[in-house]
């Protein structure tokens, strides 16, 4: 398999609404990401992990401070 380097990049351009742009910027700040591109990379990694887990029969749940647990049925 050929070795990849940082020059092997592809530029993607797409339009978003101002609300989505603001949401992305807020996520960037909240996650201390260096860029919106990093927000996308992290989001894609999380989506990949969750979909793989669910497709293999697992579940995804949130546990609240008060001990309640909620199974998420997102995907």
N, C-alpha and C. Protein backbone atom coordinates (compact mmCIF):
# COMPACT_ATOMS: atom_id res chain seq x y z
N UNK A 1 0.85 -1.19 0.00
CA UNK A 1 0.00 0.00 0.00
C UNK A 1 0.89 1.24 0.00
N UNK A 2 0.62 2.20 -0.88
CA UNK A 2 1.46 3.41 -0.94
C UNK A 2 1.32 4.23 0.34
N UNK A 3 2.42 4.85 0.72
CA UNK A 3 2.42 5.70 1.90
C UNK A 3 1.76 7.03 1.56
N UNK A 4 0.91 7.50 2.47
CA UNK A 4 0.25 8.79 2.27
C UNK A 4 1.04 9.87 2.99
N UNK A 5 1.00 11.06 2.43
CA UNK A 5 1.60 12.20 3.11
C UNK A 5 0.61 13.35 3.11
N UNK A 6 0.96 14.41 3.81
CA UNK A 6 0.03 15.54 3.96
C UNK A 6 -0.29 16.24 2.65
N UNK A 7 0.51 16.05 1.61
CA UNK A 7 0.20 16.70 0.34
C UNK A 7 -0.89 15.96 -0.43
N UNK A 8 -1.25 14.75 0.03
CA UNK A 8 -2.32 13.98 -0.59
C UNK A 8 -3.66 14.42 -0.02
N UNK A 9 -4.10 15.59 -0.37
CA UNK A 9 -5.36 16.14 0.14
C UNK A 9 -6.28 16.49 -1.01
N UNK A 10 -7.55 16.49 -0.72
CA UNK A 10 -8.57 16.87 -1.69
C UNK A 10 -9.39 17.97 -1.06
N UNK A 11 -9.62 19.04 -1.78
CA UNK A 11 -10.43 20.14 -1.26
C UNK A 11 -11.89 19.88 -1.57
N UNK A 12 -12.73 20.01 -0.55
CA UNK A 12 -14.18 19.92 -0.70
C UNK A 12 -14.78 21.28 -0.38
N UNK A 13 -15.65 21.74 -1.22
CA UNK A 13 -16.34 23.01 -0.98
C UNK A 13 -17.83 22.75 -0.99
N UNK A 14 -18.54 23.28 -0.02
CA UNK A 14 -19.99 23.18 -0.02
C UNK A 14 -20.58 24.36 0.72
N UNK A 15 -21.81 24.64 0.40
CA UNK A 15 -22.51 25.77 1.01
C UNK A 15 -23.33 25.29 2.19
N UNK A 16 -23.35 26.11 3.24
CA UNK A 16 -24.17 25.83 4.42
C UNK A 16 -24.94 27.09 4.78
N UNK A 17 -25.99 26.92 5.53
CA UNK A 17 -26.75 28.08 6.00
C UNK A 17 -25.94 28.82 7.07
N UNK A 18 -26.26 30.09 7.30
CA UNK A 18 -25.58 30.81 8.37
C UNK A 18 -25.76 30.13 9.74
N UNK A 19 -26.93 29.54 9.98
CA UNK A 19 -27.17 28.85 11.26
C UNK A 19 -26.22 27.66 11.42
N UNK A 20 -26.04 26.89 10.35
CA UNK A 20 -25.13 25.74 10.42
C UNK A 20 -23.70 26.21 10.60
N UNK A 21 -23.32 27.27 9.92
CA UNK A 21 -21.97 27.83 10.09
C UNK A 21 -21.75 28.21 11.55
N UNK A 22 -22.74 28.87 12.15
CA UNK A 22 -22.63 29.27 13.55
C UNK A 22 -22.54 28.05 14.47
N UNK A 23 -23.29 27.02 14.15
CA UNK A 23 -23.26 25.79 14.93
C UNK A 23 -21.88 25.12 14.84
N UNK A 24 -21.32 25.10 13.64
CA UNK A 24 -19.99 24.52 13.45
C UNK A 24 -18.94 25.31 14.23
N UNK A 25 -19.03 26.63 14.19
CA UNK A 25 -18.09 27.47 14.93
C UNK A 25 -18.23 27.25 16.43
N UNK A 26 -19.48 27.11 16.91
CA UNK A 26 -19.71 26.85 18.33
C UNK A 26 -19.12 25.49 18.74
N UNK A 27 -19.29 24.49 17.87
CA UNK A 27 -18.70 23.17 18.14
C UNK A 27 -17.18 23.24 18.14
N UNK A 28 -16.63 24.03 17.23
CA UNK A 28 -15.19 24.20 17.17
C UNK A 28 -14.67 24.76 18.49
N UNK A 29 -15.35 25.76 19.00
CA UNK A 29 -14.94 26.39 20.25
C UNK A 29 -15.14 25.43 21.43
N UNK A 30 -16.30 24.77 21.49
CA UNK A 30 -16.63 23.88 22.61
C UNK A 30 -15.69 22.67 22.66
N UNK A 31 -15.26 22.18 21.50
CA UNK A 31 -14.38 21.01 21.46
C UNK A 31 -12.90 21.40 21.39
N UNK A 32 -12.64 22.70 21.40
CA UNK A 32 -11.28 23.21 21.30
C UNK A 32 -10.57 22.68 20.06
N UNK A 33 -11.31 22.54 18.98
CA UNK A 33 -10.74 22.10 17.71
C UNK A 33 -10.02 23.27 17.06
N UNK A 34 -8.96 22.97 16.34
CA UNK A 34 -8.18 24.04 15.71
C UNK A 34 -8.84 24.59 14.46
N UNK A 35 -9.80 23.82 13.89
CA UNK A 35 -10.45 24.27 12.67
C UNK A 35 -11.81 23.59 12.53
N UNK A 36 -12.62 24.11 11.63
CA UNK A 36 -13.90 23.48 11.32
C UNK A 36 -13.64 22.13 10.65
N UNK A 37 -12.56 22.03 9.88
CA UNK A 37 -12.21 20.74 9.26
C UNK A 37 -11.97 19.68 10.33
N UNK A 38 -11.35 20.07 11.44
CA UNK A 38 -11.14 19.11 12.54
C UNK A 38 -12.47 18.70 13.15
N UNK A 39 -13.42 19.62 13.25
CA UNK A 39 -14.76 19.29 13.74
C UNK A 39 -15.36 18.20 12.84
N UNK A 40 -15.25 18.37 11.54
CA UNK A 40 -15.76 17.37 10.60
C UNK A 40 -15.04 16.04 10.75
N UNK A 41 -13.72 16.06 10.88
CA UNK A 41 -12.97 14.81 11.03
C UNK A 41 -13.41 14.07 12.29
N UNK A 42 -13.56 14.81 13.40
CA UNK A 42 -14.00 14.18 14.65
C UNK A 42 -15.42 13.64 14.53
N UNK A 43 -16.29 14.42 13.90
CA UNK A 43 -17.68 14.00 13.73
C UNK A 43 -17.77 12.73 12.88
N UNK A 44 -16.98 12.68 11.81
CA UNK A 44 -16.98 11.50 10.95
C UNK A 44 -16.42 10.28 11.68
N UNK A 45 -15.39 10.48 12.49
CA UNK A 45 -14.82 9.36 13.25
C UNK A 45 -15.85 8.83 14.25
N UNK A 46 -16.56 9.73 14.90
CA UNK A 46 -17.60 9.32 15.85
C UNK A 46 -18.73 8.60 15.13
N UNK A 47 -19.19 9.13 14.01
CA UNK A 47 -20.25 8.48 13.24
C UNK A 47 -19.82 7.10 12.77
N UNK A 48 -18.58 6.97 12.33
CA UNK A 48 -18.07 5.67 11.90
C UNK A 48 -18.07 4.68 13.06
N UNK A 49 -17.59 5.11 14.22
CA UNK A 49 -17.54 4.24 15.38
C UNK A 49 -18.94 3.80 15.81
N UNK A 50 -19.87 4.75 15.87
CA UNK A 50 -21.23 4.45 16.31
C UNK A 50 -21.94 3.53 15.32
N UNK A 51 -21.86 3.82 14.03
CA UNK A 51 -22.56 2.98 13.06
C UNK A 51 -21.98 1.56 13.04
N UNK A 52 -20.66 1.44 13.16
CA UNK A 52 -20.06 0.10 13.21
C UNK A 52 -20.54 -0.66 14.44
N UNK A 53 -20.59 0.02 15.57
CA UNK A 53 -21.04 -0.60 16.82
C UNK A 53 -22.49 -1.05 16.72
N UNK A 54 -23.36 -0.19 16.23
CA UNK A 54 -24.79 -0.51 16.11
C UNK A 54 -25.01 -1.61 15.08
N UNK A 55 -24.31 -1.54 13.96
CA UNK A 55 -24.47 -2.57 12.92
C UNK A 55 -24.01 -3.95 13.38
N UNK A 56 -23.12 -3.98 14.37
CA UNK A 56 -22.67 -5.27 14.88
C UNK A 56 -23.51 -5.73 16.07
N UNK A 57 -24.66 -5.06 16.29
CA UNK A 57 -25.59 -5.50 17.32
C UNK A 57 -25.52 -4.74 18.63
N UNK A 58 -24.66 -3.77 18.73
CA UNK A 58 -24.53 -3.00 19.96
C UNK A 58 -25.60 -1.93 20.07
N UNK A 59 -25.63 -1.28 21.22
CA UNK A 59 -26.55 -0.17 21.44
C UNK A 59 -25.74 1.05 21.86
N UNK A 60 -26.38 2.19 21.80
CA UNK A 60 -25.78 3.45 22.19
C UNK A 60 -26.69 4.09 23.22
N UNK A 61 -26.12 4.48 24.35
CA UNK A 61 -26.97 5.08 25.37
C UNK A 61 -26.26 6.24 26.05
N UNK A 62 -27.07 7.12 26.63
CA UNK A 62 -26.58 8.24 27.42
C UNK A 62 -26.91 7.96 28.87
N UNK A 63 -25.97 8.23 29.75
CA UNK A 63 -26.22 8.09 31.18
C UNK A 63 -26.15 9.47 31.80
N UNK A 64 -27.24 9.87 32.45
CA UNK A 64 -27.33 11.20 33.04
C UNK A 64 -26.76 11.23 34.45
N UNK A 65 -26.49 12.41 34.95
CA UNK A 65 -25.94 12.57 36.30
C UNK A 65 -26.82 11.93 37.36
N UNK A 66 -28.14 11.98 37.14
CA UNK A 66 -29.06 11.43 38.14
C UNK A 66 -29.22 9.91 38.03
N UNK A 67 -28.44 9.28 37.16
CA UNK A 67 -28.47 7.83 37.03
C UNK A 67 -29.38 7.29 35.94
N UNK A 68 -30.24 8.16 35.38
CA UNK A 68 -31.11 7.71 34.29
C UNK A 68 -30.25 7.34 33.09
N UNK A 69 -30.74 6.38 32.33
CA UNK A 69 -30.06 5.98 31.12
C UNK A 69 -31.06 5.95 29.98
N UNK A 70 -30.64 6.47 28.84
CA UNK A 70 -31.52 6.55 27.67
C UNK A 70 -30.82 5.90 26.48
N UNK A 71 -31.47 4.91 25.89
CA UNK A 71 -30.92 4.27 24.70
C UNK A 71 -31.25 5.14 23.50
N UNK A 72 -30.23 5.47 22.72
CA UNK A 72 -30.42 6.32 21.55
C UNK A 72 -30.74 5.46 20.34
N UNK A 73 -31.71 5.87 19.59
CA UNK A 73 -32.09 5.17 18.37
C UNK A 73 -31.91 6.11 17.18
N UNK A 74 -30.70 6.57 17.00
CA UNK A 74 -30.41 7.55 15.96
C UNK A 74 -30.25 6.92 14.60
N UNK A 75 -29.67 5.75 14.56
CA UNK A 75 -29.24 5.18 13.29
C UNK A 75 -29.89 3.85 13.05
